[in-house]
Amino acid sequence: MIREALSSIARNESVAGLISRAPIARDVVKRVVAGESVEDALTVAGELADRGFWASLERAAPTVTSDEVAAAVTGDYAALIEAVASAGLSGVCEVSVFPESLGVMPGSGEAGARQRLFELTRLATDRSVALMVGMGPAGDADQTIAWVDDLHAAGMPVGLTLPAVLRRTAADCERLAGRRVRLVKGGHRGTAAVAYAQPIEIDKSFVRCAKTLLRGGGEPSFATHDPRLIDILETLVARYERPRHSYEFAFFMGRQEAAQERLLAAGERVRVYVPYGPDWFERLVGGLAEQPSSITAALRSLLPGSS
């Protein structure tokens, strides 16, 4: 029920704005969202860097329903890449982009979105800014992976997010273990032949995929707020004798902050995922589908009357 309610609120821009201004919610919003502008995002990224953290910035995009909106979002991402480079943060700050934010719309062709992704990747490569390609619940795994393969073939290596919920991800990790891969539990849904349905199955898939990535030569990124999985990952990196900073732990901004601090103090690379932009509320609702157990509490706190 809460997913449907939050999704309805997210589609109502005035209500989302009211929530962000509510006295009870204001402090919570600051903990989970950088703000609405590129400057806000860079301020947070700089503060994180000063404390030893790494960052992943995402321009929280609206639901893309036209080429005009897609072009505007692409322009915003280009401005973000330029700003990260100009601020001298490219060494510790990546930009995360979802293909569906670039114009993959129902009933439309894919050429426009693919071209926009390639243009952004060329810019990021020229500016030495790392790019991480996401895969949201609405994303097409075959299409996204094919585009990333094409980018690598063109000499533009980018990171790729893979969801453990999909049965195919084990094989994808085997093939891509030499690249930069971010492993998430994922919010995709499908038939039993396509996706795991039970949480325990998804957790087991996450661990299997993590082992594969740690055996490879790439730089895996493990995005989870599950304390059990974090403990398992710490055991695995020791078993595989992985050097520190050849892998990383990733968290949403404002989530499991004690775990973030503990891992950082232990010498681990810890990356914080930072959403920003005027459409931040809709993005957080989308994140609920991707990581339901981790940010439900934060989203509930944004509702009027919550504490």
Protein backbone atom coordinates (compact mmCIF):
# COMPACT_ATOMS: atom_id res chain seq x y z
CA MET A 1 0.00 0.00 0.00
CA ILE A 2 2.76 2.46 0.88
CA ARG A 3 4.31 2.07 -2.58
CA GLU A 4 1.07 3.02 -4.30
CA ALA A 5 0.49 5.93 -1.93
CA LEU A 6 3.99 7.30 -2.35
CA SER A 7 3.85 6.90 -6.12
CA SER A 8 0.61 8.89 -6.17
CA ILE A 9 2.19 11.62 -4.06
CA ALA A 10 5.27 11.71 -6.28
CA ARG A 11 3.11 12.44 -9.32
CA ASN A 12 1.66 15.46 -7.53
CA GLU A 13 4.43 18.04 -7.62
CA SER A 14 2.74 20.42 -5.20
CA VAL A 15 2.28 17.72 -2.57
CA ALA A 16 5.91 16.63 -2.88
CA GLY A 17 6.93 20.26 -2.42
CA LEU A 18 4.72 20.53 0.65
CA ILE A 19 6.36 17.46 2.14
CA SER A 20 9.85 18.84 1.53
CA ARG A 21 8.88 22.02 3.39
CA ALA A 22 7.16 20.30 6.34
CA PRO A 23 9.06 21.05 9.59
CA ILE A 24 9.25 17.39 10.59
CA ALA A 25 10.41 16.27 7.15
CA ARG A 26 12.91 19.00 6.37
CA ASP A 27 15.80 17.49 8.31
CA VAL A 28 15.06 14.04 6.87
CA VAL A 29 15.08 15.41 3.34
CA LYS A 30 18.50 16.96 3.91
CA ARG A 31 19.79 13.58 5.02
CA VAL A 32 18.66 11.68 1.92
CA VAL A 33 18.76 14.33 -0.85
CA ALA A 34 21.55 16.77 -1.69
CA GLY A 35 19.18 19.51 -2.87
CA GLU A 36 17.77 20.72 -6.17
CA SER A 37 20.80 22.16 -7.96
CA VAL A 38 24.17 20.99 -9.27
CA GLU A 39 25.77 23.34 -6.75
CA ASP A 40 23.93 21.57 -3.93
CA ALA A 41 25.16 18.19 -5.19
CA LEU A 42 28.77 19.38 -5.47
CA THR A 43 28.65 20.82 -1.96
CA VAL A 44 27.58 17.46 -0.55
CA ALA A 45 30.14 15.59 -2.69
CA GLY A 46 32.89 17.92 -1.46
CA GLU A 47 31.87 17.43 2.16
CA LEU A 48 31.87 13.67 1.70
CA ALA A 49 35.31 13.78 0.05
CA ASP A 50 36.68 15.83 2.95
CA ARG A 51 35.56 13.05 5.31
CA GLY A 52 37.15 10.34 3.15
CA PHE A 53 34.05 9.09 1.34
CA TRP A 54 33.53 8.70 -2.40
CA ALA A 55 30.32 9.82 -4.11
CA SER A 56 27.98 8.88 -6.91
CA LEU A 57 25.79 11.74 -8.12
CA GLU A 58 22.49 11.25 -9.90
CA ARG A 59 20.36 13.98 -11.37
CA ALA A 60 16.93 12.78 -10.28
CA ALA A 61 15.08 12.91 -13.59
CA PRO A 62 11.33 13.20 -14.13
CA THR A 63 9.41 10.52 -15.95
CA VAL A 64 10.54 11.08 -19.53
CA THR A 65 7.55 11.32 -21.85
CA SER A 66 8.98 13.24 -24.82
CA ASP A 67 12.20 13.84 -26.73
CA GLU A 68 12.17 17.42 -25.46
CA VAL A 69 12.23 16.28 -21.82
CA ALA A 70 14.91 13.69 -22.62
CA ALA A 71 17.08 16.35 -24.26
CA ALA A 72 16.68 18.63 -21.24
CA VAL A 73 17.68 15.85 -18.83
CA THR A 74 20.68 15.03 -21.02
CA GLY A 75 21.71 18.67 -20.88
CA ASP A 76 21.45 18.60 -17.09
CA TYR A 77 23.70 15.54 -16.97
CA ALA A 78 26.22 17.19 -19.25
CA ALA A 79 26.29 20.21 -16.94
CA LEU A 80 26.83 17.87 -13.97
CA ILE A 81 29.78 16.17 -15.66
CA GLU A 82 31.36 19.53 -16.47
CA ALA A 83 30.82 20.73 -12.91
CA VAL A 84 32.38 17.62 -11.33
CA ALA A 85 35.46 18.03 -13.52
CA SER A 86 35.72 21.78 -12.85
CA ALA A 87 35.42 21.24 -9.10
CA GLY A 88 38.36 18.82 -9.14
CA LEU A 89 36.20 15.98 -7.81
CA SER A 90 36.56 13.55 -10.71
CA GLY A 91 38.95 11.36 -8.72
CA VAL A 92 36.38 10.57 -6.04
CA CYS A 93 33.05 11.31 -7.69
CA GLU A 94 31.21 9.44 -10.43
CA VAL A 95 28.01 10.30 -12.27
CA SER A 96 25.21 7.75 -12.36
CA VAL A 97 22.77 7.78 -15.28
CA PHE A 98 19.77 5.63 -16.18
CA PRO A 99 19.08 4.99 -19.89
CA GLU A 100 15.35 5.39 -19.25
CA SER A 101 16.07 8.98 -18.17
CA LEU A 102 17.48 9.68 -21.64
CA GLY A 103 14.37 8.85 -23.63
CA VAL A 104 13.61 5.12 -23.67
CA MET A 105 9.84 5.52 -23.84
CA PRO A 106 7.05 3.04 -24.52
CA GLY A 107 6.29 2.93 -28.23
CA SER A 108 9.32 5.00 -29.20
CA GLY A 109 12.55 4.06 -30.87
CA GLU A 110 15.76 3.48 -28.93
CA ALA A 111 18.10 5.39 -31.23
CA GLY A 112 17.65 8.75 -29.50
CA ALA A 113 18.37 7.43 -26.01
CA ARG A 114 21.38 5.46 -27.24
CA GLN A 115 22.80 8.55 -28.96
CA ARG A 116 22.34 10.65 -25.83
CA LEU A 117 24.08 8.04 -23.70
CA PHE A 118 27.00 7.91 -26.12
CA GLU A 119 27.28 11.71 -26.15
CA LEU A 120 27.36 11.85 -22.36
CA THR A 121 29.93 9.07 -22.22
CA ARG A 122 32.20 10.86 -24.68
CA LEU A 123 31.96 14.01 -22.58
CA ALA A 124 32.64 12.10 -19.35
CA THR A 125 35.62 10.35 -20.94
CA ASP A 126 37.03 13.65 -22.18
CA ARG A 127 36.61 15.18 -18.70
CA SER A 128 37.98 12.09 -16.89
CA VAL A 129 34.71 11.68 -14.99
CA ALA A 130 33.62 8.10 -14.28
CA LEU A 131 30.14 7.18 -15.51
CA MET A 132 27.99 4.45 -13.96
CA VAL A 133 25.08 3.20 -16.08
CA GLY A 134 22.15 2.21 -13.90
CA MET A 135 19.39 -0.26 -14.50
CA GLY A 136 16.12 0.73 -12.87
CA PRO A 137 13.04 -1.48 -12.42
CA ALA A 138 11.78 -0.40 -15.86
CA GLY A 139 15.11 -0.92 -17.56
CA ASP A 140 15.70 -3.47 -20.31
CA ALA A 141 18.66 -5.63 -19.27
CA ASP A 142 19.49 -6.88 -22.77
CA GLN A 143 19.41 -3.37 -24.22
CA THR A 144 21.36 -1.72 -21.40
CA ILE A 145 24.11 -4.36 -21.37
CA ALA A 146 24.38 -4.23 -25.17
CA TRP A 147 24.82 -0.45 -25.08
CA VAL A 148 27.50 -0.72 -22.39
CA ASP A 149 29.29 -3.38 -24.45
CA ASP A 150 29.23 -1.01 -27.42
CA LEU A 151 30.70 1.78 -25.29
CA HIS A 152 33.53 -0.47 -24.13
CA ALA A 153 34.19 -1.54 -27.72
CA ALA A 154 34.44 2.15 -28.65
CA GLY A 155 37.11 2.70 -26.01
CA MET A 156 34.80 4.35 -23.49
CA PRO A 157 34.68 2.07 -20.43
CA VAL A 158 31.75 2.80 -18.14
CA GLY A 159 30.44 1.07 -15.08
CA LEU A 160 27.31 -1.05 -15.15
CA THR A 161 24.75 -1.83 -12.46
CA LEU A 162 23.55 -5.44 -12.32
CA PRO A 163 20.57 -6.59 -10.21
CA ALA A 164 20.95 -9.88 -8.33
CA VAL A 165 17.19 -10.42 -8.57
CA LEU A 166 17.55 -11.43 -12.23
CA ARG A 167 18.54 -15.04 -12.88
CA ARG A 168 20.72 -13.97 -15.81
CA THR A 169 22.94 -11.80 -13.61
CA ALA A 170 25.13 -14.73 -12.51
CA ALA A 171 26.17 -15.30 -16.12
CA ASP A 172 26.53 -11.55 -16.73
CA CYS A 173 28.88 -11.30 -13.75
CA GLU A 174 30.98 -14.16 -15.09
CA ARG A 175 31.39 -12.38 -18.42
CA LEU A 176 31.86 -8.88 -17.03
CA ALA A 177 33.96 -9.64 -13.93
CA GLY A 178 36.91 -7.79 -15.42
CA ARG A 179 34.98 -4.52 -15.60
CA ARG A 180 33.53 -2.10 -13.07
CA VAL A 181 30.22 -3.60 -11.97
CA ARG A 182 27.89 -2.37 -9.24
CA LEU A 183 25.90 -5.21 -7.74
CA VAL A 184 22.49 -4.42 -6.22
CA LYS A 185 19.63 -6.58 -5.05
CA GLY A 186 17.41 -4.90 -7.62
CA GLY A 187 13.75 -4.13 -7.97
CA HIS A 188 13.00 -5.87 -11.27
CA ARG A 189 10.02 -8.15 -11.43
CA GLY A 190 9.18 -10.86 -13.93
CA THR A 191 8.21 -14.46 -14.32
CA ALA A 192 9.87 -17.18 -12.27
CA ALA A 193 11.98 -17.99 -15.31
CA VAL A 194 13.39 -14.45 -15.35
CA ALA A 195 13.64 -13.28 -11.75
CA TYR A 196 13.85 -14.63 -8.22
CA ALA A 197 10.76 -13.99 -6.14
CA GLN A 198 11.77 -14.75 -2.54
CA PRO A 199 14.11 -12.45 -0.56
CA ILE A 200 16.27 -15.40 0.50
CA GLU A 201 16.74 -16.36 -3.15
CA ILE A 202 17.79 -12.83 -4.03
CA ASP A 203 20.25 -12.75 -1.13
CA LYS A 204 21.81 -16.05 -2.24
CA SER A 205 22.10 -14.72 -5.78
CA PHE A 206 23.77 -11.56 -4.47
CA VAL A 207 26.39 -13.63 -2.62
CA ARG A 208 27.04 -15.90 -5.62
CA CYS A 209 27.49 -12.88 -7.89
CA ALA A 210 29.72 -11.15 -5.33
CA LYS A 211 32.02 -14.17 -5.25
CA THR A 212 32.27 -14.14 -9.03
CA LEU A 213 33.10 -10.43 -9.15
CA LEU A 214 35.71 -10.74 -6.40
CA ARG A 215 37.42 -13.55 -8.30
CA GLY A 216 37.59 -11.32 -11.39
CA GLY A 217 39.97 -8.53 -12.24
CA GLY A 218 37.54 -5.65 -12.18
CA GLU A 219 36.56 -3.19 -9.45
CA PRO A 220 33.24 -4.37 -8.06
CA SER A 221 30.94 -2.09 -6.12
CA PHE A 222 28.57 -3.71 -3.63
CA ALA A 223 25.44 -1.67 -2.96
CA THR A 224 23.52 -3.05 -0.01
CA HIS A 225 22.27 -1.85 3.35
CA ASP A 226 21.68 -5.39 4.62
CA PRO A 227 23.98 -5.94 7.65
CA ARG A 228 24.09 -9.69 6.98
CA LEU A 229 25.30 -9.19 3.43
CA ILE A 230 27.84 -6.59 4.53
CA ASP A 231 29.27 -9.10 7.03
CA ILE A 232 29.44 -11.77 4.31
CA LEU A 233 31.16 -9.36 1.92
CA GLU A 234 33.78 -8.50 4.52
CA THR A 235 34.49 -12.22 4.93
CA LEU A 236 34.68 -12.76 1.17
CA VAL A 237 37.13 -9.93 0.46
CA ALA A 238 39.44 -11.43 3.10
CA ARG A 239 39.05 -14.94 1.67
CA TYR A 240 39.89 -13.78 -1.84
CA GLU A 241 42.71 -11.56 -0.51
CA ARG A 242 41.34 -8.54 -2.29
CA PRO A 243 43.46 -5.39 -1.77
CA ARG A 244 41.64 -2.50 -0.18
CA HIS A 245 40.12 -0.07 -2.69
CA SER A 246 40.04 -2.68 -5.45
CA TYR A 247 36.36 -2.98 -4.52
CA GLU A 248 33.94 -0.77 -2.60
CA PHE A 249 30.82 -0.66 -0.48
CA ALA A 250 28.01 1.66 -1.65
CA PHE A 251 25.11 3.16 0.30
CA PHE A 252 22.27 5.55 -0.30
CA MET A 253 22.84 8.94 1.28
CA GLY A 254 21.46 8.96 4.82
CA ARG A 255 21.13 5.18 5.14
CA GLN A 256 23.11 2.93 7.50
CA GLU A 257 25.39 5.80 8.41
CA ALA A 258 26.93 3.89 11.33
CA ALA A 259 27.93 1.10 8.94
CA GLN A 260 29.35 3.66 6.52
CA GLU A 261 31.51 5.17 9.26
CA ARG A 262 32.64 1.78 10.55
CA LEU A 263 33.73 0.57 7.12
CA LEU A 264 35.49 3.86 6.38
CA ALA A 265 37.36 3.67 9.70
CA ALA A 266 38.42 0.13 8.79
CA GLY A 267 40.10 1.46 5.64
CA GLU A 268 37.42 0.45 3.15
CA ARG A 269 36.35 2.55 0.19
CA VAL A 270 32.81 3.68 0.87
CA ARG A 271 30.75 5.39 -1.82
CA VAL A 272 27.64 7.38 -1.00
CA TYR A 273 24.86 7.59 -3.60
CA VAL A 274 23.62 11.18 -3.75
CA PRO A 275 20.43 12.10 -5.62
CA TYR A 276 19.63 15.73 -6.34
CA GLY A 277 17.36 17.83 -8.53
CA PRO A 278 13.81 19.19 -8.52
CA ASP A 279 12.43 15.70 -9.14
CA TRP A 280 14.13 14.15 -6.09
CA PHE A 281 10.89 12.86 -4.53
CA GLU A 282 9.90 10.82 -7.56
CA ARG A 283 13.40 9.34 -7.69
CA LEU A 284 13.23 8.26 -4.05
CA VAL A 285 9.90 6.58 -4.69
CA GLY A 286 11.56 4.76 -7.58
CA GLY A 287 14.34 3.78 -5.20
CA LEU A 288 11.74 2.15 -2.97
CA ALA A 289 11.12 -0.40 -5.68
CA GLU A 290 14.86 -1.02 -6.05
CA GLN A 291 15.72 -1.22 -2.35
CA PRO A 292 12.43 -1.63 -0.48
CA SER A 293 13.90 -2.69 2.85
CA SER A 294 16.46 0.09 3.00
CA ILE A 295 14.65 3.34 2.35
CA THR A 296 11.05 2.64 3.35
CA ALA A 297 11.70 4.20 6.74
CA ALA A 298 13.22 7.30 5.19
CA LEU A 299 10.28 7.75 2.84
CA ARG A 300 7.74 7.28 5.63
CA SER A 301 9.54 10.04 7.52
CA LEU A 302 8.83 12.42 4.65
CA LEU A 303 5.08 12.09 5.08
CA PRO A 304 3.24 14.81 7.07
CA GLY A 305 2.51 13.67 10.60
CA SER A 306 5.33 11.11 10.68
CA SER A 307 8.07 11.21 13.25
